[in-house]
Amino acid sequence: MAHPKKRQSRARRNKRRTHIKLRLPQIGIDPVTKEAHLYHRAHWHDGKLYYRGKVLYDPEATSEE
């Protein structure tokens, strides 16, 4: 296993770490419900599960009573 010959300074170490930072999550607006949600994630609105503007799951439609 390789070991450095000289100790790396704090400035050089911190320069390398400047590219590691948090990013804000991307928020999208659903075209049907106008609801804000995370991109590439399904979201609930009025008891229905939506993804890409389409209803994925509607509990009222699947209930057989």
PDB file of N, CA and C in Angstrom:
ATOM      1  N   MET A   1       0.843  -1.179   0.000  1.00  0.00           N
ATOM      2  CA  MET A   1       0.000   0.000   0.000  1.00  0.00           C
ATOM      3  C   MET A   1       0.888   1.242   0.000  1.00  0.00           C
ATOM      4  N   ALA A   2       0.570   2.200  -0.840  1.00  0.00           N
ATOM      5  CA  ALA A   2       1.384   3.401  -0.969  1.00  0.00           C
ATOM      6  C   ALA A   2       1.129   4.365   0.181  1.00  0.00           C
ATOM      7  N   HIS A   3       2.212   5.027   0.613  1.00  0.00           N
ATOM      8  CA  HIS A   3       2.127   6.046   1.661  1.00  0.00           C
ATOM      9  C   HIS A   3       2.779   7.317   1.138  1.00  0.00           C
ATOM     10  N   PRO A   4       2.184   8.469   1.469  1.00  0.00           N
ATOM     11  CA  PRO A   4       2.784   9.712   1.005  1.00  0.00           C
ATOM     12  C   PRO A   4       4.124   9.977   1.697  1.00  0.00           C
ATOM     13  N   LYS A   5       5.061  10.543   0.953  1.00  0.00           N
ATOM     14  CA  LYS A   5       6.375  10.839   1.513  1.00  0.00           C
ATOM     15  C   LYS A   5       6.316  12.071   2.405  1.00  0.00           C
ATOM     16  N   LYS A   6       5.519  13.055   2.006  1.00  0.00           N
ATOM     17  CA  LYS A   6       5.371  14.292   2.777  1.00  0.00           C
ATOM     18  C   LYS A   6       3.903  14.476   3.151  1.00  0.00           C
ATOM     19  N   ARG A   7       3.701  15.126   4.254  1.00  0.00           N
ATOM     20  CA  ARG A   7       2.333  15.420   4.685  1.00  0.00           C
ATOM     21  C   ARG A   7       1.737  16.515   3.799  1.00  0.00           C
ATOM     22  N   GLN A   8       0.471  16.317   3.399  1.00  0.00           N
ATOM     23  CA  GLN A   8      -0.195  17.314   2.567  1.00  0.00           C
ATOM     24  C   GLN A   8      -0.712  18.448   3.453  1.00  0.00           C
ATOM     25  N   SER A   9      -0.515  19.688   2.998  1.00  0.00           N
ATOM     26  CA  SER A   9      -0.912  20.848   3.810  1.00  0.00           C
ATOM     27  C   SER A   9      -2.430  20.965   3.890  1.00  0.00           C
ATOM     28  N   ARG A  10      -2.896  21.733   4.870  1.00  0.00           N
ATOM     29  CA  ARG A  10      -4.336  21.970   5.043  1.00  0.00           C
ATOM     30  C   ARG A  10      -4.928  22.668   3.825  1.00  0.00           C
ATOM     31  N   ALA A  11      -4.167  23.587   3.233  1.00  0.00           N
ATOM     32  CA  ALA A  11      -4.666  24.321   2.071  1.00  0.00           C
ATOM     33  C   ALA A  11      -4.894  23.378   0.890  1.00  0.00           C
ATOM     34  N   ARG A  12      -3.950  22.482   0.642  1.00  0.00           N
ATOM     35  CA  ARG A  12      -4.096  21.546  -0.475  1.00  0.00           C
ATOM     36  C   ARG A  12      -5.229  20.563  -0.220  1.00  0.00           C
ATOM     37  N   ARG A  13      -5.346  20.122   1.011  1.00  0.00           N
ATOM     38  CA  ARG A  13      -6.445  19.212   1.361  1.00  0.00           C
ATOM     39  C   ARG A  13      -7.792  19.900   1.167  1.00  0.00           C
ATOM     40  N   ASN A  14      -7.904  21.139   1.618  1.00  0.00           N
ATOM     41  CA  ASN A  14      -9.165  21.869   1.513  1.00  0.00           C
ATOM     42  C   ASN A  14      -9.501  22.231   0.070  1.00  0.00           C
ATOM     43  N   LYS A  15      -8.489  22.450  -0.768  1.00  0.00           N
ATOM     44  CA  LYS A  15      -8.748  22.713  -2.182  1.00  0.00           C
ATOM     45  C   LYS A  15      -9.418  21.508  -2.834  1.00  0.00           C
ATOM     46  N   ARG A  16      -8.972  20.336  -2.459  1.00  0.00           N
ATOM     47  CA  ARG A  16      -9.554  19.124  -3.008  1.00  0.00           C
ATOM     48  C   ARG A  16     -11.010  18.969  -2.551  1.00  0.00           C
ATOM     49  N   ARG A  17     -11.297  19.372  -1.343  1.00  0.00           N
ATOM     50  CA  ARG A  17     -12.635  19.187  -0.784  1.00  0.00           C
ATOM     51  C   ARG A  17     -13.630  20.273  -1.177  1.00  0.00           C
ATOM     52  N   THR A  18     -13.208  21.294  -1.919  1.00  0.00           N
ATOM     53  CA  THR A  18     -14.135  22.366  -2.278  1.00  0.00           C
ATOM     54  C   THR A  18     -15.227  21.880  -3.230  1.00  0.00           C
ATOM     55  N   HIS A  19     -14.994  20.790  -3.944  1.00  0.00           N
ATOM     56  CA  HIS A  19     -15.973  20.306  -4.902  1.00  0.00           C
ATOM     57  C   HIS A  19     -17.030  19.426  -4.257  1.00  0.00           C
ATOM     58  N   ILE A  20     -16.831  19.084  -2.991  1.00  0.00           N
ATOM     59  CA  ILE A  20     -17.800  18.250  -2.281  1.00  0.00           C
ATOM     60  C   ILE A  20     -18.751  19.178  -1.548  1.00  0.00           C
ATOM     61  N   LYS A  21     -19.975  19.309  -2.057  1.00  0.00           N
ATOM     62  CA  LYS A  21     -20.939  20.189  -1.410  1.00  0.00           C
ATOM     63  C   LYS A  21     -22.347  19.657  -1.620  1.00  0.00           C
ATOM     64  N   LEU A  22     -23.248  20.082  -0.770  1.00  0.00           N
ATOM     65  CA  LEU A  22     -24.636  19.662  -0.882  1.00  0.00           C
ATOM     66  C   LEU A  22     -25.330  20.424  -1.995  1.00  0.00           C
ATOM     67  N   ARG A  23     -26.250  19.755  -2.662  1.00  0.00           N
ATOM     68  CA  ARG A  23     -27.060  20.403  -3.690  1.00  0.00           C
ATOM     69  C   ARG A  23     -28.509  20.380  -3.241  1.00  0.00           C
ATOM     70  N   LEU A  24     -29.261  21.381  -3.638  1.00  0.00           N
ATOM     71  CA  LEU A  24     -30.680  21.407  -3.329  1.00  0.00           C
ATOM     72  C   LEU A  24     -31.413  20.389  -4.202  1.00  0.00           C
ATOM     73  N   PRO A  25     -32.421  19.730  -3.658  1.00  0.00           N
ATOM     74  CA  PRO A  25     -33.169  18.785  -4.482  1.00  0.00           C
ATOM     75  C   PRO A  25     -33.963  19.517  -5.553  1.00  0.00           C
ATOM     76  N   GLN A  26     -34.097  18.894  -6.721  1.00  0.00           N
ATOM     77  CA  GLN A  26     -34.835  19.521  -7.809  1.00  0.00           C
ATOM     78  C   GLN A  26     -36.325  19.301  -7.595  1.00  0.00           C
ATOM     79  N   ILE A  27     -37.067  20.385  -7.703  1.00  0.00           N
ATOM     80  CA  ILE A  27     -38.501  20.358  -7.495  1.00  0.00           C
ATOM     81  C   ILE A  27     -39.197  20.547  -8.839  1.00  0.00           C
ATOM     82  N   GLY A  28     -40.193  19.715  -9.110  1.00  0.00           N
ATOM     83  CA  GLY A  28     -40.961  19.825 -10.341  1.00  0.00           C
ATOM     84  C   GLY A  28     -42.415  20.124 -10.024  1.00  0.00           C
ATOM     85  N   ILE A  29     -43.149  20.599 -11.011  1.00  0.00           N
ATOM     86  CA  ILE A  29     -44.568  20.888 -10.878  1.00  0.00           C
ATOM     87  C   ILE A  29     -45.336  19.878 -11.734  1.00  0.00           C
ATOM     88  N   ASP A  30     -46.266  19.156 -11.122  1.00  0.00           N
ATOM     89  CA  ASP A  30     -47.073  18.190 -11.853  1.00  0.00           C
ATOM     90  C   ASP A  30     -48.010  18.925 -12.807  1.00  0.00           C
ATOM     91  N   PRO A  31     -48.070  18.524 -14.089  1.00  0.00           N
ATOM     92  CA  PRO A  31     -48.908  19.248 -15.048  1.00  0.00           C
ATOM     93  C   PRO A  31     -50.405  19.116 -14.783  1.00  0.00           C
ATOM     94  N   VAL A  32     -50.831  18.038 -14.133  1.00  0.00           N
ATOM     95  CA  VAL A  32     -52.259  17.815 -13.898  1.00  0.00           C
ATOM     96  C   VAL A  32     -52.715  18.476 -12.601  1.00  0.00           C
ATOM     97  N   THR A  33     -51.996  18.190 -11.502  1.00  0.00           N
ATOM     98  CA  THR A  33     -52.439  18.657 -10.184  1.00  0.00           C
ATOM     99  C   THR A  33     -51.821  19.990  -9.783  1.00  0.00           C
ATOM    100  N   LYS A  34     -50.800  20.451 -10.512  1.00  0.00           N
ATOM    101  CA  LYS A  34     -50.055  21.681 -10.182  1.00  0.00           C
ATOM    102  C   LYS A  34     -49.409  21.588  -8.794  1.00  0.00           C
ATOM    103  N   GLU A  35     -49.095  20.381  -8.377  1.00  0.00           N
ATOM    104  CA  GLU A  35     -48.490  20.113  -7.079  1.00  0.00           C
ATOM    105  C   GLU A  35     -46.962  20.067  -7.225  1.00  0.00           C
ATOM    106  N   ALA A  36     -46.248  20.656  -6.273  1.00  0.00           N
ATOM    107  CA  ALA A  36     -44.778  20.593  -6.283  1.00  0.00           C
ATOM    108  C   ALA A  36     -44.340  19.241  -5.718  1.00  0.00           C
ATOM    109  N   HIS A  37     -43.343  18.612  -6.365  1.00  0.00           N
ATOM    110  CA  HIS A  37     -42.860  17.306  -5.924  1.00  0.00           C
ATOM    111  C   HIS A  37     -41.421  17.125  -6.387  1.00  0.00           C
ATOM    112  N   LEU A  38     -40.755  16.113  -5.848  1.00  0.00           N
ATOM    113  CA  LEU A  38     -39.400  15.781  -6.271  1.00  0.00           C
ATOM    114  C   LEU A  38     -39.441  15.127  -7.646  1.00  0.00           C
ATOM    115  N   TYR A  39     -38.446  15.450  -8.489  1.00  0.00           N
ATOM    116  CA  TYR A  39     -38.348  14.832  -9.810  1.00  0.00           C
ATOM    117  C   TYR A  39     -38.169  13.324  -9.688  1.00  0.00           C
ATOM    118  N   HIS A  40     -38.712  12.583 -10.628  1.00  0.00           N
ATOM    119  CA  HIS A  40     -38.588  11.130 -10.721  1.00  0.00           C
ATOM    120  C   HIS A  40     -39.125  10.419  -9.487  1.00  0.00           C
ATOM    121  N   ARG A  41     -40.122  11.010  -8.843  1.00  0.00           N
ATOM    122  CA  ARG A  41     -40.753  10.393  -7.681  1.00  0.00           C
ATOM    123  C   ARG A  41     -42.270  10.518  -7.826  1.00  0.00           C
ATOM    124  N   ALA A  42     -42.974   9.474  -7.478  1.00  0.00           N
ATOM    125  CA  ALA A  42     -44.431   9.537  -7.452  1.00  0.00           C
ATOM    126  C   ALA A  42     -44.848  10.339  -6.223  1.00  0.00           C
ATOM    127  N   HIS A  43     -46.028  10.977  -6.286  1.00  0.00           N
ATOM    128  CA  HIS A  43     -46.493  11.766  -5.139  1.00  0.00           C
ATOM    129  C   HIS A  43     -48.004  11.604  -4.991  1.00  0.00           C
ATOM    130  N   TRP A  44     -48.471  11.758  -3.750  1.00  0.00           N
ATOM    131  CA  TRP A  44     -49.883  11.632  -3.435  1.00  0.00           C
ATOM    132  C   TRP A  44     -50.559  12.986  -3.542  1.00  0.00           C
ATOM    133  N   HIS A  45     -51.774  12.987  -4.099  1.00  0.00           N
ATOM    134  CA  HIS A  45     -52.590  14.205  -4.166  1.00  0.00           C
ATOM    135  C   HIS A  45     -54.053  13.777  -4.136  1.00  0.00           C
ATOM    136  N   ASP A  46     -54.791  14.249  -3.156  1.00  0.00           N
ATOM    137  CA  ASP A  46     -56.215  13.915  -2.989  1.00  0.00           C
ATOM    138  C   ASP A  46     -56.457  12.414  -2.963  1.00  0.00           C
ATOM    139  N   GLY A  47     -55.579  11.670  -2.286  1.00  0.00           N
ATOM    140  CA  GLY A  47     -55.768  10.231  -2.130  1.00  0.00           C
ATOM    141  C   GLY A  47     -55.387   9.404  -3.339  1.00  0.00           C
ATOM    142  N   LYS A  48     -54.786  10.007  -4.356  1.00  0.00           N
ATOM    143  CA  LYS A  48     -54.352   9.283  -5.547  1.00  0.00           C
ATOM    144  C   LYS A  48     -52.847   9.432  -5.694  1.00  0.00           C
ATOM    145  N   LEU A  49     -52.218   8.407  -6.256  1.00  0.00           N
ATOM    146  CA  LEU A  49     -50.779   8.413  -6.478  1.00  0.00           C
ATOM    147  C   LEU A  49     -50.510   8.808  -7.925  1.00  0.00           C
ATOM    148  N   TYR A  50     -49.779   9.904  -8.131  1.00  0.00           N
ATOM    149  CA  TYR A  50     -49.490  10.428  -9.471  1.00  0.00           C
ATOM    150  C   TYR A  50     -48.011  10.265  -9.802  1.00  0.00           C
ATOM    151  N   TYR A  51     -47.726  10.018 -11.082  1.00  0.00           N
ATOM    152  CA  TYR A  51     -46.361  10.021 -11.603  1.00  0.00           C
ATOM    153  C   TYR A  51     -46.418  10.415 -13.065  1.00  0.00           C
ATOM    154  N   ARG A  52     -45.653  11.427 -13.458  1.00  0.00           N
ATOM    155  CA  ARG A  52     -45.623  11.965 -14.818  1.00  0.00           C
ATOM    156  C   ARG A  52     -47.005  12.379 -15.317  1.00  0.00           C
ATOM    157  N   GLY A  53     -47.818  12.933 -14.428  1.00  0.00           N
ATOM    158  CA  GLY A  53     -49.123  13.434 -14.806  1.00  0.00           C
ATOM    159  C   GLY A  53     -50.201  12.374 -14.945  1.00  0.00           C
ATOM    160  N   LYS A  54     -49.887  11.126 -14.628  1.00  0.00           N
ATOM    161  CA  LYS A  54     -50.863  10.045 -14.741  1.00  0.00           C
ATOM    162  C   LYS A  54     -51.127   9.445 -13.365  1.00  0.00           C
ATOM    163  N   VAL A  55     -52.330   8.924 -13.177  1.00  0.00           N
ATOM    164  CA  VAL A  55     -52.695   8.280 -11.919  1.00  0.00           C
ATOM    165  C   VAL A  55     -52.141   6.861 -11.926  1.00  0.00           C
ATOM    166  N   LEU A  56     -51.289   6.557 -10.947  1.00  0.00           N
ATOM    167  CA  LEU A  56     -50.746   5.210 -10.830  1.00  0.00           C
ATOM    168  C   LEU A  56     -51.645   4.334  -9.969  1.00  0.00           C
ATOM    169  N   TYR A  57     -52.166   4.913  -8.901  1.00  0.00           N
ATOM    170  CA  TYR A  57     -52.952   4.139  -7.950  1.00  0.00           C
ATOM    171  C   TYR A  57     -54.094   4.980  -7.434  1.00  0.00           C
ATOM    172  N   ASP A  58     -55.304   4.465  -7.557  1.00  0.00           N
ATOM    173  CA  ASP A  58     -56.496   5.123  -7.038  1.00  0.00           C
ATOM    174  C   ASP A  58     -57.224   4.117  -6.160  1.00  0.00           C
ATOM    175  N   PRO A  59     -57.183   4.280  -4.831  1.00  0.00           N
ATOM    176  CA  PRO A  59     -57.805   3.285  -3.945  1.00  0.00           C
ATOM    177  C   PRO A  59     -59.323   3.185  -4.130  1.00  0.00           C
ATOM    178  N   GLU A  60     -59.964   4.267  -4.558  1.00  0.00           N
ATOM    179  CA  GLU A  60     -61.416   4.221  -4.756  1.00  0.00           C
ATOM    180  C   GLU A  60     -61.777   3.363  -5.962  1.00  0.00           C
ATOM    181  N   ALA A  61     -60.955   3.382  -6.983  1.00  0.00           N
ATOM    182  CA  ALA A  61     -61.229   2.597  -8.192  1.00  0.00           C
ATOM    183  C   ALA A  61     -60.970   1.111  -7.963  1.00  0.00           C
ATOM    184  N   THR A  62     -60.052   0.770  -7.061  1.00  0.00           N
ATOM    185  CA  THR A  62     -59.715  -0.639  -6.835  1.00  0.00           C
ATOM    186  C   THR A  62     -60.557  -1.280  -5.761  1.00  0.00           C
ATOM    187  N   SER A  63     -61.267  -0.494  -4.945  1.00  0.00           N
ATOM    188  CA  SER A  63     -62.086  -1.077  -3.883  1.00  0.00           C
ATOM    189  C   SER A  63     -63.325  -1.719  -4.501  1.00  0.00           C
ATOM    190  N   GLU A  64     -63.553  -2.981  -4.168  1.00  0.00           N
ATOM    191  CA  GLU A  64     -64.690  -3.729  -4.730  1.00  0.00           C
ATOM    192  C   GLU A  64     -65.662  -4.062  -3.609  1.00  0.00           C
ATOM    193  N   GLU A  65     -66.557  -3.150  -3.325  1.00  0.00           N
ATOM    194  CA  GLU A  65     -67.556  -3.374  -2.278  1.00  0.00           C
ATOM    195  C   GLU A  65     -68.931  -3.291  -2.840  1.00  0.00           C
TER     196      GLU A  65
END
